[in-house]
Amino acid sequence: MNTWRRRTAVYLAAIAAIILAYAIAYHEAMRVFEGEQQTFLHSLQIVVETFTTTGFGSDSPWESDAMNLLVIVMDVTGVLLIFTALPVFVFPLFEEMLSTTPPTAVEDLSGHVVVCAHTSRGRVLRNELVAFDVPYVFVVGDEDEAIDLHEGGEPVVHGDPEDVDTLRAANAERATALVADADDETNASVVLSAREVSETLRVVSLVEDEDVADYHRYAGADEVVSPRRALGQSLGAKATQTVSDELGEAVELGEHFEVAELLVHRDSPLAGRTVADAGVGERTGANIIGAWVSGEFESPPDPDRVLDEHTVVLAAGSEEQLEALKRLTLSETRRHRRGPVIVAGYGVVGRAAATELAATEEVVVVDREDKHGVDVVGDVTDRATLEEAGIDEARSVLIALGSDTTTVFTALAVKQVAPEVEIIARANDPESVPKLYRAGAGYVLALSTVSGRMLASYLLEEDVLRPESQIELVRMSAPHLRGRSLGGADVRARTGCTVVAIERDGAVIGDVGPDTVVRKGDTLVVAGTDESVARFSERLA
């Protein structure tokens, strides 16, 4: 019995006892003080009428002061009980009647993905699934969170994701896959429950600690996703690119066609120039198809858009063309600096980044704890710690801390001590990315974004070309575009996406423009944000 029902039962029992006591007192008082002999039922009726204010005074006037005093006390008691009943009984009753009840099961749902828990990485995964028109349902244990999701229009089942009955209520046995997206211990339990529901269900589990990955596989997970190492490697590769002429990290779409993200550096030949004035096409042969500016993606970039030190351009072309463009994004001063790359934070992400960098760069690791692999022990927001790490000569600072708030503060501290140092940062949530750009970071990648896209890449058979990226790059068909030109269909204006290439008859066409007509059987390579790719899928795929 819940608290409200228990309170209600006690309240009603107390009311009955008080009414009965007053009825006995009233019955005897009428006999003693008024000299009237009446039935007990009549006395009970008078008390009930008084308490409920539906009628009283049928025995009035009373002659004795004692009787009038008793009636006054009875009136006051009735009023007090009514006011007590409102917050204790009536209000909770209406609240329960009007409140939303989250669904505890789904019907007629199959071929879907069951996502156990609702996290920031789950929201990224949800966008990926929507983009590919894959149905899904969240399984959430917290009732308030389940209500919020339900009222927001999200498919959700309220229940314990570790419970077999809950997974059956989510039609897990008819799903194409299940994603365990809570903490490491809970995920292992969810995997075991999923295996009890179905031996053939594809189960993907996410782990924070790589050391427990084998436990999840033993529990029955088909895939174990550990995004922290991938994030660290991606950030390390980006830091390597800031001082290297080599391209790296490009996505090869064909024999002579690639797509890459390139960070524009302070004092580089492109810095301070507009897209139109930079003349990238004439100077390199590559094509700028998009640009990240302060965390916002613009495709295509406005010709008058100024390329500054915080701009990340998305470019397409051959390897040679992109390498030429890469050289234009580098600062001549920074390229010849001999200082180290400072890695702030030595968790899983920091270790992976430092390992990636160590092959070609001098690395100085800073952490609060004195452990193997740490070069400088101290607070990275402290000037003395930064100076000990060699901030004056550093090529860049890679921030791999676990707290977004601390990461933002660290970026501000680094910019205060060494304004020209390039900052590459890890964020946990996408909401922190714009803050970090405003704090002075040149390149930011969110862990939840990498996590969600890695999960999607397993579920969508590698249609997500590179999860460890700020941009969504996917292959998809577009039947609504068949026989139409990209310009005529106004793809960019309608969706915010850019078609960067077309796969046709086993070949990749990289020379795509407004006059390019989509044919039957074509597969389009689309670049955009999660939201814009979802719009492309909804409207054109």
Protein backbone atom coordinates (compact mmCIF):
# COMPACT_ATOMS: atom_id res chain seq x y z
CA MET A 1 0.00 0.00 0.00
CA ASN A 2 1.49 3.37 -1.05
CA THR A 3 1.76 6.38 1.25
CA TRP A 4 -1.33 8.12 -0.08
CA ARG A 5 -3.57 5.07 0.36
CA ARG A 6 -2.21 4.40 3.83
CA ARG A 7 -2.82 8.03 4.84
CA THR A 8 -6.34 7.90 3.42
CA ALA A 9 -7.22 4.72 5.33
CA VAL A 10 -5.99 6.19 8.63
CA TYR A 11 -7.84 9.47 7.98
CA LEU A 12 -11.16 7.75 7.20
CA ALA A 13 -10.88 5.53 10.27
CA ALA A 14 -10.22 8.57 12.46
CA ILE A 15 -13.20 10.43 10.93
CA ALA A 16 -15.51 7.49 11.64
CA ALA A 17 -14.33 7.26 15.24
CA ILE A 18 -14.76 11.03 15.84
CA ILE A 19 -18.25 11.06 14.30
CA LEU A 20 -19.29 8.07 16.39
CA ALA A 21 -17.93 9.70 19.57
CA TYR A 22 -19.78 12.96 18.86
CA ALA A 23 -22.99 11.05 18.07
CA ILE A 24 -22.85 9.31 21.45
CA ALA A 25 -22.08 12.60 23.23
CA TYR A 26 -24.86 14.47 21.39
CA HIS A 27 -27.38 11.69 22.06
CA GLU A 28 -26.67 11.71 25.81
CA ALA A 29 -26.48 15.52 26.01
CA MET A 30 -29.95 15.86 24.45
CA ARG A 31 -31.34 13.45 27.04
CA VAL A 32 -29.59 15.03 30.02
CA PHE A 33 -29.59 18.77 29.23
CA GLU A 34 -32.61 19.12 26.93
CA GLY A 35 -34.77 16.33 28.39
CA GLU A 36 -35.48 14.90 24.93
CA GLN A 37 -35.41 11.20 24.26
CA GLN A 38 -34.59 10.47 20.56
CA THR A 39 -33.18 7.62 18.54
CA PHE A 40 -29.41 7.23 18.27
CA LEU A 41 -29.75 7.18 14.48
CA HIS A 42 -31.26 10.69 14.61
CA SER A 43 -28.34 11.89 16.76
CA LEU A 44 -25.87 10.36 14.27
CA GLN A 45 -27.69 12.11 11.43
CA ILE A 46 -27.34 15.51 13.16
CA VAL A 47 -23.58 14.98 13.67
CA VAL A 48 -23.02 13.90 10.05
CA GLU A 49 -25.02 16.89 8.74
CA THR A 50 -22.95 19.21 10.94
CA PHE A 51 -19.60 17.76 9.89
CA THR A 52 -20.44 17.78 6.19
CA THR A 53 -22.20 21.19 6.32
CA THR A 54 -25.09 19.69 4.32
CA GLY A 55 -27.60 20.72 6.96
CA PHE A 56 -27.75 21.37 10.68
CA GLY A 57 -29.94 22.92 13.32
CA SER A 58 -33.01 20.72 12.95
CA ASP A 59 -32.97 20.22 16.74
CA SER A 60 -32.37 23.92 17.46
CA PRO A 61 -32.85 26.01 19.43
CA TRP A 62 -31.15 24.38 22.37
CA GLU A 63 -32.12 25.67 25.76
CA SER A 64 -29.07 24.79 27.83
CA ASP A 65 -25.66 26.44 27.65
CA ALA A 66 -23.95 23.05 27.81
CA MET A 67 -25.79 21.85 24.73
CA ASN A 68 -24.98 25.02 22.78
CA LEU A 69 -21.31 24.71 23.78
CA LEU A 70 -21.23 21.09 22.57
CA VAL A 71 -22.72 22.10 19.21
CA ILE A 72 -20.14 24.92 18.85
CA VAL A 73 -17.26 22.51 19.50
CA MET A 74 -18.80 20.04 17.06
CA ASP A 75 -19.08 22.75 14.35
CA VAL A 76 -15.44 23.79 14.77
CA THR A 77 -14.28 20.15 14.66
CA GLY A 78 -16.18 19.55 11.43
CA VAL A 79 -14.64 22.59 9.74
CA LEU A 80 -11.13 21.58 10.86
CA LEU A 81 -11.62 18.07 9.53
CA ILE A 82 -12.74 19.44 6.14
CA PHE A 83 -9.66 21.64 5.82
CA THR A 84 -7.48 18.71 6.87
CA ALA A 85 -9.08 16.49 4.26
CA LEU A 86 -8.20 18.83 1.38
CA PRO A 87 -4.38 18.44 1.48
CA VAL A 88 -4.39 14.94 2.94
CA PHE A 89 -7.07 13.29 0.86
CA VAL A 90 -8.73 15.39 -1.84
CA PHE A 91 -5.71 17.10 -3.43
CA PRO A 92 -3.63 13.89 -3.71
CA LEU A 93 -6.69 12.14 -5.14
CA PHE A 94 -7.08 14.72 -7.92
CA GLU A 95 -3.32 14.78 -8.50
CA GLU A 96 -3.29 11.02 -8.97
CA MET A 97 -6.32 11.18 -11.24
CA LEU A 98 -4.81 13.90 -13.43
CA SER A 99 -1.19 12.74 -13.43
CA THR A 100 0.40 11.05 -16.45
CA THR A 101 1.15 7.38 -16.08
CA PRO A 102 4.16 6.26 -18.11
CA PRO A 103 3.61 3.17 -20.27
CA THR A 104 4.88 -0.10 -18.85
CA ALA A 105 4.75 -1.97 -22.15
CA VAL A 106 4.68 -1.44 -25.90
CA GLU A 107 2.45 -3.20 -28.39
CA ASP A 108 2.89 -4.04 -32.06
CA LEU A 109 6.53 -2.95 -32.10
CA SER A 110 9.13 -5.08 -33.84
CA GLY A 111 12.38 -4.61 -35.70
CA HIS A 112 13.26 -1.90 -33.20
CA VAL A 113 16.21 -1.08 -30.97
CA VAL A 114 15.71 -1.32 -27.21
CA VAL A 115 17.83 1.31 -25.45
CA CYS A 116 18.17 0.56 -21.74
CA ALA A 117 18.47 3.92 -19.92
CA HIS A 118 18.31 7.45 -21.27
CA THR A 119 21.61 9.33 -21.35
CA SER A 120 23.24 12.07 -23.43
CA ARG A 121 24.91 9.41 -25.60
CA GLY A 122 21.52 7.72 -25.93
CA ARG A 123 20.09 10.95 -27.28
CA VAL A 124 22.83 11.03 -29.92
CA LEU A 125 22.06 7.40 -30.78
CA ARG A 126 18.37 8.28 -30.99
CA ASN A 127 19.17 10.96 -33.62
CA GLU A 128 21.16 8.41 -35.62
CA LEU A 129 18.31 5.90 -35.51
CA VAL A 130 15.79 8.53 -36.55
CA ALA A 131 18.04 9.50 -39.47
CA PHE A 132 17.89 5.91 -40.73
CA ASP A 133 14.21 5.45 -39.92
CA VAL A 134 14.93 2.72 -37.35
CA PRO A 135 12.28 2.42 -34.60
CA TYR A 136 13.42 2.43 -30.98
CA VAL A 137 12.17 2.46 -27.42
CA PHE A 138 13.83 3.65 -24.21
CA VAL A 139 13.58 1.50 -21.08
CA VAL A 140 13.79 3.79 -18.03
CA GLY A 141 13.60 2.90 -14.35
CA ASP A 142 12.93 6.38 -12.96
CA GLU A 143 9.21 7.20 -13.12
CA ASP A 144 9.61 10.98 -13.41
CA GLU A 145 12.10 10.60 -16.25
CA ALA A 146 9.81 8.12 -17.99
CA ILE A 147 6.91 10.58 -17.68
CA ASP A 148 9.02 13.39 -19.15
CA LEU A 149 10.03 11.22 -22.10
CA HIS A 150 6.46 10.04 -22.64
CA GLU A 151 5.07 13.57 -22.55
CA GLY A 152 7.85 14.63 -24.94
CA GLY A 153 6.64 12.09 -27.48
CA GLU A 154 9.46 9.58 -27.02
CA PRO A 155 8.62 5.86 -27.08
CA VAL A 156 9.40 4.65 -23.56
CA VAL A 157 8.73 1.75 -21.20
CA HIS A 158 8.86 2.41 -17.48
CA GLY A 159 10.49 -0.44 -15.61
CA ASP A 160 13.74 -1.89 -14.36
CA PRO A 161 15.93 -2.63 -17.42
CA GLU A 162 17.65 -5.40 -15.43
CA ASP A 163 14.31 -7.20 -15.06
CA VAL A 164 13.46 -9.87 -17.64
CA ASP A 165 9.74 -9.02 -17.54
CA THR A 166 10.50 -5.38 -18.33
CA LEU A 167 12.54 -6.35 -21.38
CA ARG A 168 9.74 -8.63 -22.53
CA ALA A 169 7.31 -5.72 -22.06
CA ALA A 170 9.55 -3.74 -24.42
CA ASN A 171 9.22 -6.58 -26.99
CA ALA A 172 12.95 -7.27 -26.78
CA GLU A 173 12.49 -10.74 -28.26
CA ARG A 174 11.13 -9.07 -31.44
CA ALA A 175 13.76 -6.32 -31.55
CA THR A 176 16.74 -6.18 -33.89
CA ALA A 177 19.09 -5.10 -31.13
CA LEU A 178 19.36 -4.07 -27.50
CA VAL A 179 21.74 -1.40 -26.20
CA ALA A 180 22.84 -1.44 -22.55
CA ASP A 181 23.58 2.23 -21.85
CA ALA A 182 23.79 2.62 -18.06
CA ASP A 183 26.83 2.14 -15.79
CA ASP A 184 29.21 -0.80 -16.19
CA GLU A 185 27.69 -3.01 -13.48
CA THR A 186 24.10 -2.34 -14.51
CA ASN A 187 24.93 -2.96 -18.16
CA ALA A 188 26.38 -6.38 -17.36
CA SER A 189 23.15 -7.29 -15.55
CA VAL A 190 21.06 -5.98 -18.46
CA VAL A 191 23.06 -8.14 -20.89
CA LEU A 192 22.35 -11.26 -18.80
CA SER A 193 18.62 -10.44 -18.71
CA ALA A 194 18.60 -9.81 -22.45
CA ARG A 195 20.16 -13.21 -23.06
CA GLU A 196 17.42 -14.79 -20.95
CA VAL A 197 14.84 -13.10 -23.15
CA SER A 198 16.49 -14.16 -26.43
CA GLU A 199 19.63 -16.00 -27.41
CA THR A 200 19.56 -14.51 -30.91
CA LEU A 201 18.96 -10.86 -29.99
CA ARG A 202 21.91 -8.65 -30.93
CA VAL A 203 23.20 -7.07 -27.71
CA VAL A 204 25.54 -4.07 -27.63
CA SER A 205 26.94 -2.95 -24.28
CA LEU A 206 28.75 0.28 -23.47
CA VAL A 207 31.56 0.27 -20.90
CA GLU A 208 33.35 3.13 -19.18
CA ASP A 209 36.20 0.95 -17.90
CA GLU A 210 37.87 -1.11 -20.62
CA ASP A 211 39.07 -3.63 -18.03
CA VAL A 212 35.50 -4.93 -17.58
CA ALA A 213 34.83 -5.40 -21.29
CA ASP A 214 35.54 -9.14 -21.08
CA TYR A 215 32.94 -9.51 -18.32
CA HIS A 216 30.29 -8.07 -20.62
CA ARG A 217 31.31 -10.39 -23.44
CA TYR A 218 31.13 -13.34 -21.06
CA ALA A 219 27.66 -12.17 -19.99
CA GLY A 220 26.59 -12.43 -23.62
CA ALA A 221 27.21 -9.07 -25.30
CA ASP A 222 27.82 -9.34 -29.04
CA GLU A 223 29.60 -5.99 -29.14
CA VAL A 224 31.26 -4.01 -26.34
CA VAL A 225 31.74 -0.33 -27.10
CA SER A 226 34.47 1.57 -25.25
CA PRO A 227 34.41 5.11 -26.63
CA ARG A 228 36.91 6.77 -24.29
CA ARG A 229 39.94 5.27 -26.00
CA ALA A 230 38.57 6.19 -29.44
CA LEU A 231 37.96 9.75 -28.24
CA GLY A 232 41.50 10.02 -26.86
CA GLN A 233 43.01 8.69 -30.08
CA SER A 234 40.97 11.11 -32.15
CA LEU A 235 41.99 14.09 -30.00
CA GLY A 236 45.62 12.95 -30.10
CA ALA A 237 45.51 12.69 -33.87
CA LYS A 238 44.01 16.17 -34.06
CA ALA A 239 46.83 17.52 -31.87
CA THR A 240 49.37 15.82 -34.12
CA GLN A 241 47.84 17.50 -37.15
CA THR A 242 48.29 20.95 -35.61
CA VAL A 243 52.06 20.63 -36.10
CA SER A 244 52.24 18.32 -39.10
CA ASP A 245 51.93 18.69 -42.85
CA GLU A 246 50.51 15.16 -43.05
CA LEU A 247 46.78 14.96 -43.50
CA GLY A 248 45.64 12.08 -41.31
CA GLU A 249 42.06 11.25 -40.22
CA ALA A 250 40.60 11.68 -43.72
CA VAL A 251 37.71 9.47 -44.77
CA GLU A 252 38.46 7.78 -48.08
CA LEU A 253 35.34 7.52 -50.21
CA GLY A 254 36.99 6.52 -53.45
CA GLU A 255 40.35 6.00 -55.06
CA HIS A 256 40.89 9.73 -55.58
CA PHE A 257 38.32 11.29 -53.29
CA GLU A 258 38.47 11.93 -49.54
CA VAL A 259 36.76 14.09 -46.94
CA ALA A 260 38.61 15.61 -43.99
CA GLU A 261 38.19 18.10 -41.14
CA LEU A 262 40.97 20.67 -40.90
CA LEU A 263 41.54 23.19 -38.13
CA VAL A 264 42.53 26.71 -39.21
CA HIS A 265 45.37 28.01 -37.02
CA ARG A 266 46.36 31.46 -35.88
CA ASP A 267 48.71 33.20 -38.37
CA SER A 268 48.07 30.58 -41.04
CA PRO A 269 47.65 31.73 -44.68
CA LEU A 270 43.87 31.20 -44.36
CA ALA A 271 43.34 32.90 -40.99
CA GLY A 272 41.53 36.23 -41.23
CA ARG A 273 40.42 35.72 -44.82
CA THR A 274 36.91 35.08 -46.07
CA VAL A 275 35.96 31.85 -47.78
CA ALA A 276 35.71 33.68 -51.11
CA ASP A 277 39.01 35.54 -50.74
CA ALA A 278 40.92 32.44 -49.58
CA GLY A 279 40.70 30.97 -53.08
CA VAL A 280 41.00 27.42 -51.77
CA GLY A 281 39.76 25.83 -54.99
CA GLU A 282 42.19 27.73 -57.18
CA ARG A 283 45.17 27.21 -54.83
CA THR A 284 44.66 23.57 -53.90
CA GLY A 285 41.88 22.02 -56.02
CA ALA A 286 40.04 21.02 -52.81
CA ASN A 287 36.52 22.15 -52.08
CA ILE A 288 35.34 23.55 -48.71
CA ILE A 289 31.90 22.04 -48.22
CA GLY A 290 31.29 23.09 -44.64
CA ALA A 291 32.72 24.88 -41.63
CA TRP A 292 32.40 24.66 -37.87
CA VAL A 293 32.35 28.14 -36.38
CA SER A 294 32.17 28.37 -32.56
CA GLY A 295 30.49 24.99 -32.39
CA GLU A 296 27.91 25.71 -35.11
CA PHE A 297 28.09 23.88 -38.43
CA GLU A 298 27.49 25.86 -41.62
CA SER A 299 27.14 24.10 -44.97
CA PRO A 300 27.97 25.53 -47.35
CA PRO A 301 29.83 28.31 -45.56
CA ASP A 302 28.89 31.86 -46.48
CA PRO A 303 31.41 33.23 -49.02
CA ASP A 304 31.84 36.21 -46.67
CA ARG A 305 32.52 33.93 -43.67
CA VAL A 306 35.86 34.86 -42.11
CA LEU A 307 38.07 31.86 -41.37
CA ASP A 308 39.57 32.49 -37.95
CA GLU A 309 41.68 30.43 -35.55
CA HIS A 310 38.62 28.62 -34.19
CA THR A 311 37.25 27.49 -37.55
CA VAL A 312 37.21 23.82 -38.52
CA VAL A 313 36.62 23.38 -42.25
CA LEU A 314 35.15 20.27 -43.84
CA ALA A 315 36.84 19.79 -47.20
CA ALA A 316 36.66 17.28 -50.03
CA GLY A 317 39.19 16.38 -52.68
CA SER A 318 42.03 14.02 -53.50
CA GLU A 319 44.68 13.21 -50.93
CA GLU A 320 47.14 15.57 -52.63
CA GLN A 321 44.59 18.38 -52.74
CA LEU A 322 43.69 17.98 -49.09
CA GLU A 323 47.35 17.88 -48.09
CA ALA A 324 47.87 21.16 -49.93
CA LEU A 325 44.90 22.64 -48.09
CA LYS A 326 46.26 21.28 -44.83
CA ARG A 327 49.47 23.26 -45.33
CA LEU A 328 47.42 26.42 -45.78
CA THR A 329 45.70 25.88 -42.42
CA LEU A 330 48.97 25.65 -40.45
CA SER A 331 50.76 28.53 -38.82
CA GLU A 332 54.33 28.90 -40.03
CA THR A 333 55.36 30.07 -36.57
CA ARG A 334 53.64 27.20 -34.81
CA ARG A 335 54.89 24.62 -37.29
CA HIS A 336 58.49 25.29 -36.39
CA ARG A 337 58.06 25.45 -32.63
CA ARG A 338 59.96 22.68 -30.90
CA GLY A 339 57.94 22.55 -27.69
CA PRO A 340 55.80 19.72 -26.32
CA VAL A 341 52.14 18.93 -26.48
CA ILE A 342 50.74 19.17 -22.95
CA VAL A 343 48.12 16.55 -22.07
CA ALA A 344 46.03 17.66 -19.10
CA GLY A 345 44.43 14.68 -17.38
CA TYR A 346 45.60 11.08 -17.44
CA GLY A 347 42.48 8.99 -17.37
CA VAL A 348 41.48 6.64 -20.19
CA VAL A 349 41.06 9.52 -22.66
CA GLY A 350 44.31 11.21 -21.64
CA ARG A 351 46.32 7.98 -21.82
CA ALA A 352 44.98 7.18 -25.27
CA ALA A 353 45.75 10.70 -26.49
CA ALA A 354 49.27 10.64 -25.02
CA THR A 355 49.97 7.26 -26.61
CA GLU A 356 48.75 8.54 -29.98
CA LEU A 357 51.00 11.59 -29.70
CA ALA A 358 54.10 9.86 -28.30
CA ALA A 359 55.01 8.27 -31.64
CA THR A 360 55.81 11.63 -33.23
CA GLU A 361 55.68 14.36 -30.58
CA GLU A 362 57.20 15.29 -27.26
CA VAL A 363 54.43 14.87 -24.69
CA VAL A 364 54.17 16.29 -21.17
CA VAL A 365 51.40 14.78 -19.07
CA VAL A 366 49.90 16.79 -16.21
CA ASP A 367 47.64 15.23 -13.58
CA ARG A 368 46.63 15.87 -9.98
CA GLU A 369 47.76 12.37 -8.97
CA ASP A 370 51.32 11.10 -9.01
CA LYS A 371 51.12 7.91 -11.08
CA HIS A 372 53.07 6.12 -13.77
CA GLY A 373 53.15 8.16 -16.96
CA VAL A 374 52.54 11.54 -15.28
CA ASP A 375 55.35 14.05 -15.79
CA VAL A 376 54.03 17.01 -13.77
CA VAL A 377 51.84 16.60 -10.70
CA GLY A 378 49.61 19.56 -9.96
CA ASP A 379 46.55 21.60 -10.77
CA VAL A 380 46.53 22.39 -14.48
CA THR A 381 44.64 25.63 -13.82
CA ASP A 382 47.56 26.88 -11.73
CA ARG A 383 50.12 29.09 -13.51
CA ALA A 384 53.07 27.45 -11.73
CA THR A 385 51.95 23.99 -12.89
CA LEU A 386 51.55 25.17 -16.48
CA GLU A 387 54.97 26.84 -16.43
CA GLU A 388 56.55 23.68 -15.04
CA ALA A 389 54.95 21.74 -17.92
CA GLY A 390 56.54 24.14 -20.43
CA ILE A 391 53.49 26.15 -21.46
CA ASP A 392 55.67 28.97 -22.85
CA GLU A 393 57.08 26.67 -25.53
CA ALA A 394 54.16 24.27 -25.92
CA ARG A 395 52.71 23.68 -29.35
CA SER A 396 49.27 22.86 -27.99
CA VAL A 397 47.37 21.79 -24.88
CA LEU A 398 45.07 18.79 -24.99
CA ILE A 399 42.53 18.89 -22.14
CA ALA A 400 41.24 15.42 -21.24
CA LEU A 401 39.58 16.06 -17.89
CA GLY A 402 36.47 14.29 -16.62
CA SER A 403 34.44 17.39 -15.71
CA ASP A 404 33.15 19.81 -18.33
CA THR A 405 33.11 22.62 -15.79
CA THR A 406 36.78 22.02 -14.94
CA THR A 407 37.62 21.74 -18.64
CA VAL A 408 36.08 25.15 -19.37
CA PHE A 409 37.96 26.69 -16.46
CA THR A 410 41.21 25.06 -17.61
CA ALA A 411 40.78 26.46 -21.12
CA LEU A 412 40.33 29.94 -19.65
CA ALA A 413 43.43 29.50 -17.46
CA VAL A 414 45.57 28.32 -20.39
CA LYS A 415 44.47 31.23 -22.57
CA GLN A 416 45.29 33.64 -19.74
CA VAL A 417 48.83 32.27 -19.35
CA ALA A 418 49.59 31.52 -23.02
CA PRO A 419 47.09 33.17 -25.41
CA GLU A 420 48.67 31.75 -28.58
CA VAL A 421 48.69 28.11 -27.53
CA GLU A 422 46.22 25.92 -29.41
CA ILE A 423 43.68 24.16 -27.18
CA ILE A 424 42.12 20.81 -28.06
CA ALA A 425 39.48 19.69 -25.57
CA ARG A 426 37.31 16.76 -24.62
CA ALA A 427 33.74 17.43 -23.45
CA ASN A 428 31.28 15.04 -21.92
CA ASP A 429 28.05 16.56 -23.21
CA PRO A 430 27.34 18.35 -26.52
CA GLU A 431 25.84 21.25 -24.53
CA SER A 432 29.34 22.10 -23.26
CA VAL A 433 30.91 22.37 -26.72
CA PRO A 434 29.88 26.02 -27.45
CA LYS A 435 31.14 27.08 -24.00
CA LEU A 436 34.54 25.57 -24.68
CA TYR A 437 34.82 27.34 -28.02
CA ARG A 438 33.97 30.62 -26.30
CA ALA A 439 36.60 29.82 -23.66
CA GLY A 440 39.26 29.65 -26.38
CA ALA A 441 39.37 26.00 -27.49
CA GLY A 442 40.22 25.46 -31.14
CA TYR A 443 38.80 21.96 -31.45
CA VAL A 444 36.27 20.22 -29.19
CA LEU A 445 34.83 16.72 -29.38
CA ALA A 446 32.13 15.45 -27.03
CA LEU A 447 32.36 11.98 -25.50
CA SER A 448 28.60 11.51 -25.72
CA THR A 449 28.71 12.28 -29.45
CA VAL A 450 31.46 9.73 -30.05
CA SER A 451 29.67 7.18 -27.85
CA GLY A 452 26.31 7.60 -29.57
CA ARG A 453 27.81 7.40 -33.03
CA MET A 454 29.94 4.38 -32.20
CA LEU A 455 26.82 2.62 -30.96
CA ALA A 456 25.04 3.62 -34.16
CA SER A 457 27.92 2.40 -36.32
CA TYR A 458 27.54 -1.08 -34.83
CA LEU A 459 23.78 -1.07 -35.19
CA LEU A 460 23.66 0.46 -38.67
CA GLU A 461 26.30 -1.73 -40.27
CA GLU A 462 28.97 0.98 -40.58
CA ASP A 463 26.75 3.46 -42.42
CA VAL A 464 28.16 6.09 -40.09
CA LEU A 465 31.52 6.54 -41.82
CA ARG A 466 33.49 7.99 -38.93
CA PRO A 467 32.00 8.27 -35.43
CA GLU A 468 35.03 10.12 -34.00
CA SER A 469 34.19 13.36 -35.75
CA GLN A 470 32.36 16.61 -35.18
CA ILE A 471 30.40 16.05 -38.38
CA GLU A 472 27.97 13.34 -39.40
CA LEU A 473 29.12 11.58 -42.57
CA VAL A 474 26.78 8.84 -43.74
CA ARG A 475 25.82 6.82 -46.78
CA MET A 476 22.13 6.63 -47.65
CA SER A 477 19.81 6.22 -50.58
CA ALA A 478 17.41 9.01 -51.50
CA PRO A 479 14.52 7.63 -53.58
CA HIS A 480 12.70 10.99 -53.44
CA LEU A 481 15.60 12.57 -55.35
CA ARG A 482 15.66 10.14 -58.26
CA GLY A 483 15.58 11.98 -61.57
CA ARG A 484 16.06 15.34 -59.84
CA SER A 485 19.10 17.58 -59.62
CA LEU A 486 20.53 18.48 -56.23
CA GLY A 487 20.03 22.17 -56.96
CA GLY A 488 16.50 21.67 -58.24
CA ALA A 489 15.58 19.71 -55.11
CA ASP A 490 17.16 22.49 -52.98
CA VAL A 491 18.78 19.86 -50.75
CA ARG A 492 20.91 22.21 -48.68
CA ALA A 493 18.13 24.69 -47.93
CA ARG A 494 15.61 21.97 -47.10
CA THR A 495 17.84 19.80 -44.92
CA GLY A 496 21.05 21.63 -44.02
CA CYS A 497 23.05 18.74 -45.47
CA THR A 498 25.62 18.70 -48.23
CA VAL A 499 25.90 15.82 -50.70
CA VAL A 500 29.67 15.39 -50.95
CA ALA A 501 29.77 12.38 -53.27
CA ILE A 502 27.64 9.81 -55.07
CA GLU A 503 28.42 6.11 -55.30
CA ARG A 504 27.23 4.86 -58.66
CA ASP A 505 27.93 1.50 -60.34
CA GLY A 506 30.82 0.78 -58.00
CA ALA A 507 32.53 4.13 -58.57
CA VAL A 508 32.60 7.28 -56.47
CA ILE A 509 31.67 10.58 -58.11
CA GLY A 510 33.29 13.40 -56.17
CA ASP A 511 32.50 16.19 -58.61
CA VAL A 512 29.01 16.86 -57.26
CA GLY A 513 27.23 20.15 -57.87
CA PRO A 514 23.75 21.70 -58.17
CA ASP A 515 23.30 20.23 -61.67
CA THR A 516 24.11 16.67 -60.58
CA VAL A 517 21.09 14.42 -61.17
CA VAL A 518 20.43 11.50 -58.83
CA ARG A 519 19.81 8.22 -60.60
CA LYS A 520 18.17 4.98 -59.56
CA GLY A 521 20.56 2.87 -57.50
CA ASP A 522 22.70 5.82 -56.42
CA THR A 523 24.01 5.95 -52.86
CA LEU A 524 24.61 9.46 -51.59
CA VAL A 525 27.39 10.39 -49.17
CA VAL A 526 25.83 13.09 -47.00
CA ALA A 527 27.57 15.46 -44.57
CA GLY A 528 25.82 17.43 -41.87
CA THR A 529 24.94 17.63 -38.21
CA ASP A 530 22.89 14.92 -36.50
CA GLU A 531 19.77 17.05 -36.83
CA SER A 532 20.29 17.91 -40.48
CA VAL A 533 20.97 14.27 -41.43
CA ALA A 534 17.74 13.33 -39.65
CA ARG A 535 15.89 15.94 -41.72
CA PHE A 536 17.48 14.57 -44.91
CA SER A 537 16.34 11.07 -44.03
CA GLU A 538 12.83 12.22 -43.15
CA ARG A 539 12.26 14.36 -46.22
CA LEU A 540 14.29 12.78 -49.00
CA ALA A 541 15.28 9.21 -48.11
